[in-house]
Amino acid sequence: MFDVVIVAGGKSLRAGTDKLSARLGEQTVIARTANLFRDINGIDKIILVTDEDYQIDGVLLAPAGQTRGESVKNGLKLVKSRYVLIHDGARP
């Protein structure tokens, strides 16, 4: 019913470190964000938009754009479901 597009193309410049690769418990922040959607009934596909080589089982990758809008557009190209959820990767 839903595909999820997780936008994670930023460079973490304000944070000064790659916050998506930071550990949060047993997982990285980006893995935790993606994996939280697995437990939601009706999620068909999880799409991660990034230029990094994150390896998360069952998650499709799309290239990040120069802007957040372009990144969202790139993620939407892989959407097949009728509905889509768009989420920021740094906020699990």
PDB file of N, CA and C in Angstrom:
ATOM      1  N   MET A   1       0.813  -1.188   0.000  1.00  0.00           N
ATOM      2  CA  MET A   1       0.000   0.000   0.000  1.00  0.00           C
ATOM      3  C   MET A   1       0.866   1.266   0.000  1.00  0.00           C
ATOM      4  N   PHE A   2       1.976   1.265   0.772  1.00  0.00           N
ATOM      5  CA  PHE A   2       2.859   2.421   0.871  1.00  0.00           C
ATOM      6  C   PHE A   2       4.291   2.053   0.490  1.00  0.00           C
ATOM      7  N   ASP A   3       4.959   2.952  -0.211  1.00  0.00           N
ATOM      8  CA  ASP A   3       6.409   2.911  -0.346  1.00  0.00           C
ATOM      9  C   ASP A   3       6.949   4.043   0.523  1.00  0.00           C
ATOM     10  N   VAL A   4       8.153   3.866   1.031  1.00  0.00           N
ATOM     11  CA  VAL A   4       8.788   4.867   1.874  1.00  0.00           C
ATOM     12  C   VAL A   4      10.034   5.379   1.161  1.00  0.00           C
ATOM     13  N   VAL A   5      10.169   6.693   1.068  1.00  0.00           N
ATOM     14  CA  VAL A   5      11.368   7.327   0.542  1.00  0.00           C
ATOM     15  C   VAL A   5      12.058   8.010   1.722  1.00  0.00           C
ATOM     16  N   ILE A   6      13.257   7.551   2.035  1.00  0.00           N
ATOM     17  CA  ILE A   6      14.041   8.140   3.118  1.00  0.00           C
ATOM     18  C   ILE A   6      15.144   8.970   2.481  1.00  0.00           C
ATOM     19  N   VAL A   7      15.083  10.269   2.698  1.00  0.00           N
ATOM     20  CA  VAL A   7      16.032  11.196   2.079  1.00  0.00           C
ATOM     21  C   VAL A   7      17.233  11.356   3.013  1.00  0.00           C
ATOM     22  N   ALA A   8      18.404  10.958   2.517  1.00  0.00           N
ATOM     23  CA  ALA A   8      19.625  10.980   3.336  1.00  0.00           C
ATOM     24  C   ALA A   8      20.825  11.407   2.500  1.00  0.00           C
ATOM     25  N   GLY A   9      20.658  12.493   1.755  1.00  0.00           N
ATOM     26  CA  GLY A   9      21.719  12.942   0.865  1.00  0.00           C
ATOM     27  C   GLY A   9      22.554  14.081   1.407  1.00  0.00           C
ATOM     28  N   GLY A  10      22.230  14.548   2.608  1.00  0.00           N
ATOM     29  CA  GLY A  10      22.966  15.680   3.173  1.00  0.00           C
ATOM     30  C   GLY A  10      24.389  15.322   3.550  1.00  0.00           C
ATOM     31  N   LYS A  11      25.177  16.335   3.822  1.00  0.00           N
ATOM     32  CA  LYS A  11      26.593  16.145   4.152  1.00  0.00           C
ATOM     33  C   LYS A  11      26.886  16.322   5.637  1.00  0.00           C
ATOM     34  N   SER A  12      25.864  16.565   6.455  1.00  0.00           N
ATOM     35  CA  SER A  12      26.029  16.732   7.914  1.00  0.00           C
ATOM     36  C   SER A  12      27.025  17.837   8.252  1.00  0.00           C
ATOM     37  N   LEU A  13      27.033  18.899   7.472  1.00  0.00           N
ATOM     38  CA  LEU A  13      28.005  19.972   7.679  1.00  0.00           C
ATOM     39  C   LEU A  13      27.831  20.661   9.031  1.00  0.00           C
ATOM     40  N   ARG A  14      26.599  20.917   9.430  1.00  0.00           N
ATOM     41  CA  ARG A  14      26.386  21.581  10.717  1.00  0.00           C
ATOM     42  C   ARG A  14      26.769  20.687  11.881  1.00  0.00           C
ATOM     43  N   ALA A  15      26.567  19.382  11.721  1.00  0.00           N
ATOM     44  CA  ALA A  15      26.900  18.435  12.794  1.00  0.00           C
ATOM     45  C   ALA A  15      28.411  18.218  12.894  1.00  0.00           C
ATOM     46  N   GLY A  16      29.114  18.399  11.790  1.00  0.00           N
ATOM     47  CA  GLY A  16      30.561  18.217  11.797  1.00  0.00           C
ATOM     48  C   GLY A  16      31.004  16.772  11.711  1.00  0.00           C
ATOM     49  N   THR A  17      30.072  15.852  11.610  1.00  0.00           N
ATOM     50  CA  THR A  17      30.371  14.425  11.488  1.00  0.00           C
ATOM     51  C   THR A  17      29.213  13.755  10.771  1.00  0.00           C
ATOM     52  N   ASP A  18      29.440  12.596  10.217  1.00  0.00           N
ATOM     53  CA  ASP A  18      28.379  11.869   9.519  1.00  0.00           C
ATOM     54  C   ASP A  18      27.427  11.281  10.553  1.00  0.00           C
ATOM     55  N   LYS A  19      26.361  12.005  10.852  1.00  0.00           N
ATOM     56  CA  LYS A  19      25.433  11.569  11.894  1.00  0.00           C
ATOM     57  C   LYS A  19      24.648  10.318  11.489  1.00  0.00           C
ATOM     58  N   LEU A  20      24.521  10.045  10.204  1.00  0.00           N
ATOM     59  CA  LEU A  20      23.785   8.861   9.770  1.00  0.00           C
ATOM     60  C   LEU A  20      24.547   7.567  10.053  1.00  0.00           C
ATOM     61  N   SER A  21      25.873   7.658  10.089  1.00  0.00           N
ATOM     62  CA  SER A  21      26.695   6.482  10.396  1.00  0.00           C
ATOM     63  C   SER A  21      26.965   6.325  11.884  1.00  0.00           C
ATOM     64  N   ALA A  22      26.529   7.291  12.671  1.00  0.00           N
ATOM     65  CA  ALA A  22      26.731   7.208  14.127  1.00  0.00           C
ATOM     66  C   ALA A  22      25.933   6.031  14.691  1.00  0.00           C
ATOM     67  N   ARG A  23      26.447   5.421  15.728  1.00  0.00           N
ATOM     68  CA  ARG A  23      25.776   4.286  16.358  1.00  0.00           C
ATOM     69  C   ARG A  23      24.641   4.782  17.252  1.00  0.00           C
ATOM     70  N   LEU A  24      23.531   4.094  17.177  1.00  0.00           N
ATOM     71  CA  LEU A  24      22.382   4.342  18.033  1.00  0.00           C
ATOM     72  C   LEU A  24      21.936   2.973  18.527  1.00  0.00           C
ATOM     73  N   GLY A  25      22.461   2.587  19.683  1.00  0.00           N
ATOM     74  CA  GLY A  25      22.235   1.229  20.158  1.00  0.00           C
ATOM     75  C   GLY A  25      23.038   0.262  19.318  1.00  0.00           C
ATOM     76  N   GLU A  26      22.385  -0.760  18.811  1.00  0.00           N
ATOM     77  CA  GLU A  26      23.040  -1.808  18.025  1.00  0.00           C
ATOM     78  C   GLU A  26      23.184  -1.464  16.540  1.00  0.00           C
ATOM     79  N   GLN A  27      22.589  -0.350  16.108  1.00  0.00           N
ATOM     80  CA  GLN A  27      22.554  -0.020  14.688  1.00  0.00           C
ATOM     81  C   GLN A  27      23.088   1.393  14.451  1.00  0.00           C
ATOM     82  N   THR A  28      23.328   1.689  13.178  1.00  0.00           N
ATOM     83  CA  THR A  28      23.613   3.080  12.819  1.00  0.00           C
ATOM     84  C   THR A  28      22.288   3.841  12.782  1.00  0.00           C
ATOM     85  N   VAL A  29      22.379   5.151  12.818  1.00  0.00           N
ATOM     86  CA  VAL A  29      21.164   5.981  12.769  1.00  0.00           C
ATOM     87  C   VAL A  29      20.364   5.674  11.505  1.00  0.00           C
ATOM     88  N   ILE A  30      21.037   5.589  10.356  1.00  0.00           N
ATOM     89  CA  ILE A  30      20.308   5.370   9.106  1.00  0.00           C
ATOM     90  C   ILE A  30      19.688   3.979   9.053  1.00  0.00           C
ATOM     91  N   ALA A  31      20.363   2.968   9.563  1.00  0.00           N
ATOM     92  CA  ALA A  31      19.781   1.622   9.600  1.00  0.00           C
ATOM     93  C   ALA A  31      18.574   1.587  10.529  1.00  0.00           C
ATOM     94  N   ARG A  32      18.689   2.243  11.667  1.00  0.00           N
ATOM     95  CA  ARG A  32      17.562   2.277  12.608  1.00  0.00           C
ATOM     96  C   ARG A  32      16.359   2.972  11.966  1.00  0.00           C
ATOM     97  N   THR A  33      16.606   4.074  11.274  1.00  0.00           N
ATOM     98  CA  THR A  33      15.520   4.787  10.592  1.00  0.00           C
ATOM     99  C   THR A  33      14.830   3.871   9.589  1.00  0.00           C
ATOM    100  N   ALA A  34      15.608   3.227   8.734  1.00  0.00           N
ATOM    101  CA  ALA A  34      15.033   2.342   7.711  1.00  0.00           C
ATOM    102  C   ALA A  34      14.315   1.155   8.347  1.00  0.00           C
ATOM    103  N   ASN A  35      14.915   0.552   9.346  1.00  0.00           N
ATOM    104  CA  ASN A  35      14.340  -0.651   9.950  1.00  0.00           C
ATOM    105  C   ASN A  35      13.063  -0.383  10.730  1.00  0.00           C
ATOM    106  N   LEU A  36      12.872   0.831  11.217  1.00  0.00           N
ATOM    107  CA  LEU A  36      11.627   1.147  11.914  1.00  0.00           C
ATOM    108  C   LEU A  36      10.415   1.003  11.003  1.00  0.00           C
ATOM    109  N   PHE A  37      10.606   1.252   9.716  1.00  0.00           N
ATOM    110  CA  PHE A  37       9.494   1.135   8.779  1.00  0.00           C
ATOM    111  C   PHE A  37       9.126  -0.319   8.482  1.00  0.00           C
ATOM    112  N   ARG A  38      10.023  -1.248   8.729  1.00  0.00           N
ATOM    113  CA  ARG A  38       9.738  -2.664   8.470  1.00  0.00           C
ATOM    114  C   ARG A  38       8.585  -3.188   9.320  1.00  0.00           C
ATOM    115  N   ASP A  39       8.424  -2.622  10.498  1.00  0.00           N
ATOM    116  CA  ASP A  39       7.399  -3.099  11.421  1.00  0.00           C
ATOM    117  C   ASP A  39       6.028  -2.478  11.186  1.00  0.00           C
ATOM    118  N   ILE A  40       5.910  -1.628  10.187  1.00  0.00           N
ATOM    119  CA  ILE A  40       4.643  -0.963   9.906  1.00  0.00           C
ATOM    120  C   ILE A  40       3.882  -1.762   8.847  1.00  0.00           C
ATOM    121  N   ASN A  41       2.691  -2.194   9.189  1.00  0.00           N
ATOM    122  CA  ASN A  41       1.850  -2.942   8.265  1.00  0.00           C
ATOM    123  C   ASN A  41       1.517  -2.082   7.048  1.00  0.00           C
ATOM    124  N   GLY A  42       1.677  -2.621   5.861  1.00  0.00           N
ATOM    125  CA  GLY A  42       1.326  -1.911   4.643  1.00  0.00           C
ATOM    126  C   GLY A  42       2.489  -1.264   3.925  1.00  0.00           C
ATOM    127  N   ILE A  43       3.699  -1.372   4.487  1.00  0.00           N
ATOM    128  CA  ILE A  43       4.876  -0.832   3.801  1.00  0.00           C
ATOM    129  C   ILE A  43       5.348  -1.866   2.782  1.00  0.00           C
ATOM    130  N   ASP A  44       5.360  -1.472   1.521  1.00  0.00           N
ATOM    131  CA  ASP A  44       5.773  -2.384   0.452  1.00  0.00           C
ATOM    132  C   ASP A  44       7.255  -2.288   0.129  1.00  0.00           C
ATOM    133  N   LYS A  45       7.787  -1.069   0.144  1.00  0.00           N
ATOM    134  CA  LYS A  45       9.164  -0.868  -0.293  1.00  0.00           C
ATOM    135  C   LYS A  45       9.780   0.281   0.499  1.00  0.00           C
ATOM    136  N   ILE A  46      11.066   0.122   0.839  1.00  0.00           N
ATOM    137  CA  ILE A  46      11.820   1.184   1.499  1.00  0.00           C
ATOM    138  C   ILE A  46      12.920   1.620   0.541  1.00  0.00           C
ATOM    139  N   ILE A  47      12.938   2.902   0.228  1.00  0.00           N
ATOM    140  CA  ILE A  47      13.894   3.473  -0.715  1.00  0.00           C
ATOM    141  C   ILE A  47      14.750   4.488   0.031  1.00  0.00           C
ATOM    142  N   LEU A  48      16.045   4.299   0.013  1.00  0.00           N
ATOM    143  CA  LEU A  48      16.979   5.205   0.666  1.00  0.00           C
ATOM    144  C   LEU A  48      17.684   6.035  -0.392  1.00  0.00           C
ATOM    145  N   VAL A  49      17.558   7.350  -0.298  1.00  0.00           N
ATOM    146  CA  VAL A  49      18.165   8.262  -1.267  1.00  0.00           C
ATOM    147  C   VAL A  49      19.448   8.812  -0.656  1.00  0.00           C
ATOM    148  N   THR A  50      20.585   8.423  -1.237  1.00  0.00           N
ATOM    149  CA  THR A  50      21.880   8.782  -0.678  1.00  0.00           C
ATOM    150  C   THR A  50      22.972   8.563  -1.709  1.00  0.00           C
ATOM    151  N   ASP A  51      24.096   9.191  -1.505  1.00  0.00           N
ATOM    152  CA  ASP A  51      25.276   8.908  -2.324  1.00  0.00           C
ATOM    153  C   ASP A  51      26.267   8.035  -1.570  1.00  0.00           C
ATOM    154  N   GLU A  52      25.953   7.702  -0.338  1.00  0.00           N
ATOM    155  CA  GLU A  52      26.812   6.832   0.465  1.00  0.00           C
ATOM    156  C   GLU A  52      26.484   5.371   0.145  1.00  0.00           C
ATOM    157  N   ASP A  53      27.375   4.486   0.520  1.00  0.00           N
ATOM    158  CA  ASP A  53      27.201   3.055   0.239  1.00  0.00           C
ATOM    159  C   ASP A  53      26.666   2.330   1.472  1.00  0.00           C
ATOM    160  N   TYR A  54      25.506   2.762   1.954  1.00  0.00           N
ATOM    161  CA  TYR A  54      24.887   2.096   3.095  1.00  0.00           C
ATOM    162  C   TYR A  54      24.319   0.758   2.626  1.00  0.00           C
ATOM    163  N   GLN A  55      24.634  -0.286   3.343  1.00  0.00           N
ATOM    164  CA  GLN A  55      24.133  -1.620   3.016  1.00  0.00           C
ATOM    165  C   GLN A  55      23.119  -2.035   4.083  1.00  0.00           C
ATOM    166  N   ILE A  56      21.854  -1.942   3.741  1.00  0.00           N
ATOM    167  CA  ILE A  56      20.782  -2.302   4.660  1.00  0.00           C
ATOM    168  C   ILE A  56      19.901  -3.299   3.926  1.00  0.00           C
ATOM    169  N   ASP A  57      19.792  -4.503   4.454  1.00  0.00           N
ATOM    170  CA  ASP A  57      19.036  -5.563   3.787  1.00  0.00           C
ATOM    171  C   ASP A  57      17.632  -5.110   3.395  1.00  0.00           C
ATOM    172  N   GLY A  58      17.277  -5.379   2.144  1.00  0.00           N
ATOM    173  CA  GLY A  58      15.928  -5.113   1.668  1.00  0.00           C
ATOM    174  C   GLY A  58      15.619  -3.664   1.365  1.00  0.00           C
ATOM    175  N   VAL A  59      16.606  -2.798   1.430  1.00  0.00           N
ATOM    176  CA  VAL A  59      16.405  -1.372   1.167  1.00  0.00           C
ATOM    177  C   VAL A  59      17.000  -1.033  -0.197  1.00  0.00           C
ATOM    178  N   LEU A  60      16.191  -0.417  -1.051  1.00  0.00           N
ATOM    179  CA  LEU A  60      16.664   0.008  -2.363  1.00  0.00           C
ATOM    180  C   LEU A  60      17.375   1.343  -2.246  1.00  0.00           C
ATOM    181  N   LEU A  61      18.373   1.558  -3.073  1.00  0.00           N
ATOM    182  CA  LEU A  61      19.112   2.814  -3.067  1.00  0.00           C
ATOM    183  C   LEU A  61      18.799   3.632  -4.313  1.00  0.00           C
ATOM    184  N   ALA A  62      18.678   4.946  -4.119  1.00  0.00           N
ATOM    185  CA  ALA A  62      18.524   5.894  -5.219  1.00  0.00           C
ATOM    186  C   ALA A  62      19.564   6.988  -4.995  1.00  0.00           C
ATOM    187  N   PRO A  63      20.066   7.592  -6.063  1.00  0.00           N
ATOM    188  CA  PRO A  63      21.093   8.625  -5.903  1.00  0.00           C
ATOM    189  C   PRO A  63      20.518   9.935  -5.360  1.00  0.00           C
ATOM    190  N   ALA A  64      21.294  10.581  -4.503  1.00  0.00           N
ATOM    191  CA  ALA A  64      20.905  11.890  -3.983  1.00  0.00           C
ATOM    192  C   ALA A  64      21.056  12.938  -5.079  1.00  0.00           C
ATOM    193  N   GLY A  65      20.291  14.010  -4.958  1.00  0.00           N
ATOM    194  CA  GLY A  65      20.404  15.127  -5.886  1.00  0.00           C
ATOM    195  C   GLY A  65      21.187  16.261  -5.250  1.00  0.00           C
ATOM    196  N   GLN A  66      21.285  17.349  -5.960  1.00  0.00           N
ATOM    197  CA  GLN A  66      21.993  18.528  -5.447  1.00  0.00           C
ATOM    198  C   GLN A  66      21.181  19.248  -4.366  1.00  0.00           C
ATOM    199  N   THR A  67      19.869  19.059  -4.383  1.00  0.00           N
ATOM    200  CA  THR A  67      18.985  19.665  -3.384  1.00  0.00           C
ATOM    201  C   THR A  67      18.102  18.581  -2.790  1.00  0.00           C
ATOM    202  N   ARG A  68      17.453  18.903  -1.665  1.00  0.00           N
ATOM    203  CA  ARG A  68      16.522  17.939  -1.068  1.00  0.00           C
ATOM    204  C   ARG A  68      15.395  17.612  -2.038  1.00  0.00           C
ATOM    205  N   GLY A  69      14.893  18.624  -2.753  1.00  0.00           N
ATOM    206  CA  GLY A  69      13.831  18.400  -3.729  1.00  0.00           C
ATOM    207  C   GLY A  69      14.240  17.434  -4.822  1.00  0.00           C
ATOM    208  N   GLU A  70      15.456  17.585  -5.328  1.00  0.00           N
ATOM    209  CA  GLU A  70      15.960  16.662  -6.355  1.00  0.00           C
ATOM    210  C   GLU A  70      16.114  15.257  -5.783  1.00  0.00           C
ATOM    211  N   SER A  71      16.543  15.155  -4.544  1.00  0.00           N
ATOM    212  CA  SER A  71      16.684  13.838  -3.912  1.00  0.00           C
ATOM    213  C   SER A  71      15.329  13.153  -3.776  1.00  0.00           C
ATOM    214  N   VAL A  72      14.323  13.909  -3.358  1.00  0.00           N
ATOM    215  CA  VAL A  72      12.979  13.341  -3.252  1.00  0.00           C
ATOM    216  C   VAL A  72      12.510  12.864  -4.626  1.00  0.00           C
ATOM    217  N   LYS A  73      12.732  13.673  -5.645  1.00  0.00           N
ATOM    218  CA  LYS A  73      12.336  13.305  -7.008  1.00  0.00           C
ATOM    219  C   LYS A  73      13.027  12.011  -7.447  1.00  0.00           C
ATOM    220  N   ASN A  74      14.311  11.862  -7.141  1.00  0.00           N
ATOM    221  CA  ASN A  74      15.032  10.631  -7.493  1.00  0.00           C
ATOM    222  C   ASN A  74      14.452   9.423  -6.778  1.00  0.00           C
ATOM    223  N   GLY A  75      14.091   9.584  -5.510  1.00  0.00           N
ATOM    224  CA  GLY A  75      13.475   8.487  -4.771  1.00  0.00           C
ATOM    225  C   GLY A  75      12.114   8.126  -5.327  1.00  0.00           C
ATOM    226  N   LEU A  76      11.336   9.122  -5.730  1.00  0.00           N
ATOM    227  CA  LEU A  76       9.997   8.874  -6.265  1.00  0.00           C
ATOM    228  C   LEU A  76      10.030   8.078  -7.563  1.00  0.00           C
ATOM    229  N   LYS A  77      11.141   8.118  -8.270  1.00  0.00           N
ATOM    230  CA  LYS A  77      11.260   7.353  -9.517  1.00  0.00           C
ATOM    231  C   LYS A  77      11.161   5.849  -9.280  1.00  0.00           C
ATOM    232  N   LEU A  78      11.461   5.387  -8.054  1.00  0.00           N
ATOM    233  CA  LEU A  78      11.401   3.962  -7.736  1.00  0.00           C
ATOM    234  C   LEU A  78      10.092   3.547  -7.073  1.00  0.00           C
ATOM    235  N   VAL A  79       9.217   4.498  -6.812  1.00  0.00           N
ATOM    236  CA  VAL A  79       7.953   4.215  -6.143  1.00  0.00           C
ATOM    237  C   VAL A  79       6.993   3.518  -7.105  1.00  0.00           C
ATOM    238  N   LYS A  80       6.361   2.456  -6.627  1.00  0.00           N
ATOM    239  CA  LYS A  80       5.359   1.729  -7.408  1.00  0.00           C
ATOM    240  C   LYS A  80       4.004   1.710  -6.706  1.00  0.00           C
ATOM    241  N   SER A  81       3.982   1.950  -5.410  1.00  0.00           N
ATOM    242  CA  SER A  81       2.736   1.911  -4.653  1.00  0.00           C
ATOM    243  C   SER A  81       1.880   3.138  -4.944  1.00  0.00           C
ATOM    244  N   ARG A  82       0.626   3.044  -4.571  1.00  0.00           N
ATOM    245  CA  ARG A  82      -0.297   4.157  -4.772  1.00  0.00           C
ATOM    246  C   ARG A  82       0.045   5.339  -3.864  1.00  0.00           C
ATOM    247  N   TYR A  83       0.559   5.034  -2.674  1.00  0.00           N
ATOM    248  CA  TYR A  83       0.874   6.065  -1.690  1.00  0.00           C
ATOM    249  C   TYR A  83       2.355   6.009  -1.338  1.00  0.00           C
ATOM    250  N   VAL A  84       2.880   7.146  -0.900  1.00  0.00           N
ATOM    251  CA  VAL A  84       4.295   7.210  -0.532  1.00  0.00           C
ATOM    252  C   VAL A  84       4.438   8.030   0.748  1.00  0.00           C
ATOM    253  N   LEU A  85       5.342   7.585   1.602  1.00  0.00           N
ATOM    254  CA  LEU A  85       5.739   8.328   2.788  1.00  0.00           C
ATOM    255  C   LEU A  85       7.142   8.846   2.534  1.00  0.00           C
ATOM    256  N   ILE A  86       7.399  10.107   2.857  1.00  0.00           N
ATOM    257  CA  ILE A  86       8.720  10.695   2.685  1.00  0.00           C
ATOM    258  C   ILE A  86       9.234  11.071   4.059  1.00  0.00           C
ATOM    259  N   HIS A  87      10.454  10.618   4.362  1.00  0.00           N
ATOM    260  CA  HIS A  87      11.007  10.808   5.702  1.00  0.00           C
ATOM    261  C   HIS A  87      12.455  11.255   5.606  1.00  0.00           C
ATOM    262  N   ASP A  88      12.905  11.992   6.613  1.00  0.00           N
ATOM    263  CA  ASP A  88      14.277  12.458   6.726  1.00  0.00           C
ATOM    264  C   ASP A  88      15.105  11.380   7.438  1.00  0.00           C
ATOM    265  N   GLY A  89      16.161  10.936   6.808  1.00  0.00           N
ATOM    266  CA  GLY A  89      16.957   9.829   7.339  1.00  0.00           C
ATOM    267  C   GLY A  89      17.617  10.072   8.671  1.00  0.00           C
ATOM    268  N   ALA A  90      17.838  11.314   9.047  1.00  0.00           N
ATOM    269  CA  ALA A  90      18.554  11.627  10.280  1.00  0.00           C
ATOM    270  C   ALA A  90      17.649  11.690  11.511  1.00  0.00           C
ATOM    271  N   ARG A  91      16.387  11.376  11.346  1.00  0.00           N
ATOM    272  CA  ARG A  91      15.444  11.460  12.463  1.00  0.00           C
ATOM    273  C   ARG A  91      14.703  10.145  12.682  1.00  0.00           C
ATOM    274  N   PRO A  92      15.393   9.189  13.328  1.00  0.00           N
ATOM    275  CA  PRO A  92      14.757   7.879  13.535  1.00  0.00           C
ATOM    276  C   PRO A  92      13.635   7.940  14.548  1.00  0.00           C
TER     277      PRO A  92
END
